C-alpha atoms as a PDB file:
ATOM      1  CA  MET A   1      10.619 -12.331  -0.467  1.00  0.00           C
ATOM      2  CA  MET A   2       6.944 -11.295  -0.426  1.00  0.00           C
ATOM      3  CA  VAL A   3       6.042  -7.628  -0.252  1.00  0.00           C
ATOM      4  CA  ILE A   4       2.664  -5.995   0.620  1.00  0.00           C
ATOM      5  CA  LEU A   5       2.692  -2.525  -0.868  1.00  0.00           C
ATOM      6  CA  ASP A   6       0.418   0.207   0.372  1.00  0.00           C
ATOM      7  CA  THR A   7      -0.477   3.191  -1.398  1.00  0.00           C
ATOM      8  CA  SER A   8       1.541   5.664   0.510  1.00  0.00           C
ATOM      9  CA  ALA A   9       4.879   3.828  -0.265  1.00  0.00           C
ATOM     10  CA  ALA A  10       3.963   3.330  -3.851  1.00  0.00           C
ATOM     11  CA  VAL A  11       3.188   6.933  -4.411  1.00  0.00           C
ATOM     12  CA  GLU A  12       6.553   7.611  -2.757  1.00  0.00           C
ATOM     13  CA  VAL A  13       8.382   5.676  -5.420  1.00  0.00           C
ATOM     14  CA  VAL A  14       6.381   7.109  -8.377  1.00  0.00           C
ATOM     15  CA  LEU A  15       6.939  10.641  -7.325  1.00  0.00           C
ATOM     16  CA  ASN A  16      10.473   9.976  -6.536  1.00  0.00           C
ATOM     17  CA  ARG A  17      10.404  11.400  -3.141  1.00  0.00           C
ATOM     18  CA  SER A  18      13.037  10.882  -0.349  1.00  0.00           C
ATOM     19  CA  SER A  19      12.294   7.276   0.457  1.00  0.00           C
ATOM     20  CA  ALA A  20      11.874   6.171  -3.171  1.00  0.00           C
ATOM     21  CA  THR A  21      15.208   4.540  -3.518  1.00  0.00           C
ATOM     22  CA  VAL A  22      14.882   2.319  -0.235  1.00  0.00           C
ATOM     23  CA  ILE A  23      11.475   1.228  -1.305  1.00  0.00           C
ATOM     24  CA  SER A  24      12.491   0.637  -4.909  1.00  0.00           C
ATOM     25  CA  ASP A  25      15.304  -1.542  -3.788  1.00  0.00           C
ATOM     26  CA  ILE A  26      13.221  -3.590  -1.545  1.00  0.00           C
ATOM     27  CA  LEU A  27      10.523  -4.019  -4.475  1.00  0.00           C
ATOM     28  CA  MET A  28      13.385  -5.101  -6.819  1.00  0.00           C
ATOM     29  CA  LYS A  29      14.320  -7.917  -4.430  1.00  0.00           C
ATOM     30  CA  ALA A  30      10.929  -8.954  -4.041  1.00  0.00           C
ATOM     31  CA  ASN A  31       9.693 -12.344  -5.675  1.00  0.00           C
ATOM     32  CA  TRP A  32       5.911 -11.188  -5.454  1.00  0.00           C
ATOM     33  CA  VAL A  33       4.519  -7.714  -4.788  1.00  0.00           C
ATOM     34  CA  ILE A  34       0.667  -7.753  -3.734  1.00  0.00           C
ATOM     35  CA  ALA A  35      -2.033  -5.480  -2.449  1.00  0.00           C
ATOM     36  CA  PRO A  36      -5.676  -5.648  -1.758  1.00  0.00           C
ATOM     37  CA  ASP A  37      -8.033  -4.390  -4.429  1.00  0.00           C
ATOM     38  CA  LEU A  38      -8.695  -1.159  -2.657  1.00  0.00           C
ATOM     39  CA  PHE A  39      -5.149  -0.051  -3.579  1.00  0.00           C
ATOM     40  CA  ILE A  40      -6.523   0.615  -6.993  1.00  0.00           C
ATOM     41  CA  SER A  41      -9.079   3.102  -5.725  1.00  0.00           C
ATOM     42  CA  GLU A  42      -6.648   4.604  -3.006  1.00  0.00           C
ATOM     43  CA  ALA A  43      -4.008   5.202  -5.888  1.00  0.00           C
ATOM     44  CA  THR A  44      -6.471   6.717  -8.213  1.00  0.00           C
ATOM     45  CA  ASN A  45      -7.742   9.055  -5.378  1.00  0.00           C
ATOM     46  CA  VAL A  46      -4.249  10.307  -4.416  1.00  0.00           C
ATOM     47  CA  PHE A  47      -3.752  11.496  -8.036  1.00  0.00           C
ATOM     48  CA  TRP A  48      -7.171  13.044  -8.299  1.00  0.00           C
ATOM     49  CA  LYS A  49      -6.070  14.940  -5.342  1.00  0.00           C
ATOM     50  CA  TYR A  50      -2.780  15.979  -6.971  1.00  0.00           C
ATOM     51  CA  HIS A  51      -4.806  17.221  -9.836  1.00  0.00           C
ATOM     52  CA  GLN A  52      -7.311  18.914  -7.882  1.00  0.00           C
ATOM     53  CA  TYR A  53      -5.072  20.658  -5.342  1.00  0.00           C
ATOM     54  CA  GLU A  54      -1.726  20.603  -6.774  1.00  0.00           C
ATOM     55  CA  ASN A  55      -2.634  21.367 -10.300  1.00  0.00           C
ATOM     56  CA  LEU A  56      -0.745  18.317 -11.741  1.00  0.00           C
ATOM     57  CA  SER A  57      -1.985  17.756 -15.249  1.00  0.00           C
ATOM     58  CA  ILE A  58      -4.557  14.982 -15.882  1.00  0.00           C
ATOM     59  CA  GLU A  59      -1.905  13.328 -18.131  1.00  0.00           C
ATOM     60  CA  LEU A  60       0.836  13.243 -15.707  1.00  0.00           C
ATOM     61  CA  CYS A  61      -1.738  11.982 -13.056  1.00  0.00           C
ATOM     62  CA  GLU A  62      -3.043   9.206 -15.421  1.00  0.00           C
ATOM     63  CA  GLU A  63       0.586   8.094 -16.145  1.00  0.00           C
ATOM     64  CA  SER A  64       1.446   8.093 -12.452  1.00  0.00           C
ATOM     65  CA  ILE A  65      -1.616   5.999 -11.733  1.00  0.00           C
ATOM     66  CA  GLU A  66      -0.472   3.519 -14.199  1.00  0.00           C
ATOM     67  CA  ARG A  67       3.217   3.531 -12.835  1.00  0.00           C
ATOM     68  CA  THR A  68       1.618   3.011  -9.500  1.00  0.00           C
ATOM     69  CA  LEU A  69      -0.480   0.105 -10.463  1.00  0.00           C
ATOM     70  CA  GLY A  70       2.448  -1.499 -12.401  1.00  0.00           C
ATOM     71  CA  LEU A  71       4.528  -1.806  -9.018  1.00  0.00           C
ATOM     72  CA  ILE A  72       1.833  -4.541  -8.001  1.00  0.00           C
ATOM     73  CA  ASP A  73       2.229  -8.006  -9.366  1.00  0.00           C
ATOM     74  CA  ASP A  74      -1.162  -9.259  -7.874  1.00  0.00           C
ATOM     75  CA  ILE A  75      -4.320  -7.681  -6.425  1.00  0.00           C
ATOM     76  CA  VAL A  76      -6.102  -9.569  -3.820  1.00  0.00           C
ATOM     77  CA  ASP A  77     -10.007  -9.380  -3.598  1.00  0.00           C
ATOM     78  CA  SER A  78     -11.012  -7.790  -0.539  1.00  0.00           C
ATOM     79  CA  ARG A  79     -13.875 -10.282  -0.070  1.00  0.00           C
ATOM     80  CA  THR A  80     -11.329 -12.805   1.065  1.00  0.00           C
ATOM     81  CA  LEU A  81     -10.052 -10.367   3.769  1.00  0.00           C
ATOM     82  CA  TYR A  82     -12.869  -8.418   4.983  1.00  0.00           C
ATOM     83  CA  LYS A  83     -13.661 -10.634   8.083  1.00  0.00           C
ATOM     84  CA  GLU A  84     -10.157 -10.534   9.474  1.00  0.00           C
ATOM     85  CA  ALA A  85      -9.681  -6.885   8.481  1.00  0.00           C
ATOM     86  CA  PHE A  86     -12.816  -5.953  10.386  1.00  0.00           C
ATOM     87  CA  ALA A  87     -11.897  -7.865  13.501  1.00  0.00           C
ATOM     88  CA  LEU A  88      -8.476  -6.468  13.534  1.00  0.00           C
ATOM     89  CA  SER A  89      -9.523  -2.927  13.071  1.00  0.00           C
ATOM     90  CA  CYS A  90     -11.806  -3.402  16.061  1.00  0.00           C
ATOM     91  CA  MET A  91      -8.888  -4.689  18.105  1.00  0.00           C
ATOM     92  CA  ALA A  92      -6.313  -2.217  16.748  1.00  0.00           C
ATOM     93  CA  GLN A  93      -8.738   0.729  16.782  1.00  0.00           C
ATOM     94  CA  HIS A  94      -7.620   1.615  12.992  1.00  0.00           C
ATOM     95  CA  SER A  95      -9.601   1.960   9.831  1.00  0.00           C
ATOM     96  CA  VAL A  96     -10.750  -1.159   8.156  1.00  0.00           C
ATOM     97  CA  TYR A  97      -9.157   0.090   4.980  1.00  0.00           C
ATOM     98  CA  ASN A  98      -5.623  -0.097   6.731  1.00  0.00           C
ATOM     99  CA  MET A  99      -6.312  -3.525   8.226  1.00  0.00           C
ATOM    100  CA  PHE A 100      -6.775  -4.983   4.733  1.00  0.00           C
ATOM    101  CA  TYR A 101      -2.970  -4.386   4.237  1.00  0.00           C
ATOM    102  CA  LEU A 102      -2.155  -5.741   7.527  1.00  0.00           C
ATOM    103  CA  VAL A 103      -4.257  -8.987   7.154  1.00  0.00           C
ATOM    104  CA  LEU A 104      -2.668  -9.582   3.642  1.00  0.00           C
ATOM    105  CA  ALA A 105       0.848  -9.258   5.353  1.00  0.00           C
ATOM    106  CA  ARG A 106       0.029 -11.403   8.080  1.00  0.00           C
ATOM    107  CA  ARG A 107      -1.603 -14.285   6.019  1.00  0.00           C
ATOM    108  CA  ASN A 108       1.317 -14.413   3.550  1.00  0.00           C
ATOM    109  CA  ASN A 109       4.169 -13.699   6.172  1.00  0.00           C
ATOM    110  CA  GLY A 110       5.259 -10.793   3.972  1.00  0.00           C
ATOM    111  CA  ILE A 111       6.942  -7.610   4.531  1.00  0.00           C
ATOM    112  CA  PHE A 112       4.788  -4.701   4.644  1.00  0.00           C
ATOM    113  CA  LEU A 113       5.881  -1.388   2.935  1.00  0.00           C
ATOM    114  CA  THR A 114       4.069   1.928   4.056  1.00  0.00           C
ATOM    115  CA  MET A 115       4.963   5.416   4.883  1.00  0.00           C
ATOM    116  CA  ASP A 116       2.285   5.624   7.524  1.00  0.00           C
ATOM    117  CA  LYS A 117       3.800   5.762  10.977  1.00  0.00           C
ATOM    118  CA  ASP A 118       0.564   4.941  12.742  1.00  0.00           C
ATOM    119  CA  LEU A 119       0.127   1.848  10.494  1.00  0.00           C
ATOM    120  CA  LYS A 120       3.743   0.836  11.105  1.00  0.00           C
ATOM    121  CA  ASP A 121       3.168   1.075  14.798  1.00  0.00           C
ATOM    122  CA  ALA A 122      -0.069  -1.071  14.417  1.00  0.00           C
ATOM    123  CA  ALA A 123       1.918  -3.592  12.281  1.00  0.00           C
ATOM    124  CA  SER A 124       4.578  -3.881  14.851  1.00  0.00           C
ATOM    125  CA  LYS A 125       2.295  -4.385  17.614  1.00  0.00           C
ATOM    126  CA  TYR A 126       0.769  -7.390  15.546  1.00  0.00           C
ATOM    127  CA  SER A 127       4.212  -8.746  14.754  1.00  0.00           C
ATOM    128  CA  ILE A 128       3.844  -7.892  11.174  1.00  0.00           C
ATOM    129  CA  ARG A 129       7.207  -7.435   9.604  1.00  0.00           C
ATOM    130  CA  ILE A 130       7.552  -3.764   8.159  1.00  0.00           C
ATOM    131  CA  LYS A 131      10.009  -1.671   6.185  1.00  0.00           C
END
């Protein structure tokens, strides 16, 4: 099983939140976990926010970034996705950032893992498998 992991689901696992066990179980069963390269900047920005606004230590944030990135087997270059992501974002009226994940899931017939309800709805609308 191929999984496309978005940042919200990855952070859920790393911070051991309420859905961490369910997401971790899916990741353990996956043969391949992928994400677009923007995953790196999104994950890094999330932990910057935790440092800035939640007073998480720099060391804990750096460790959490490493753990988050460690959940991914392969990072896909956004240059291979941007045309479809742009077209889908125009049709779906969602940000292009989010559509990179949906395009990747659609191209690979993968299961898309996210905590974002609006993004789940968009994925469902375009027949993309979600968890």
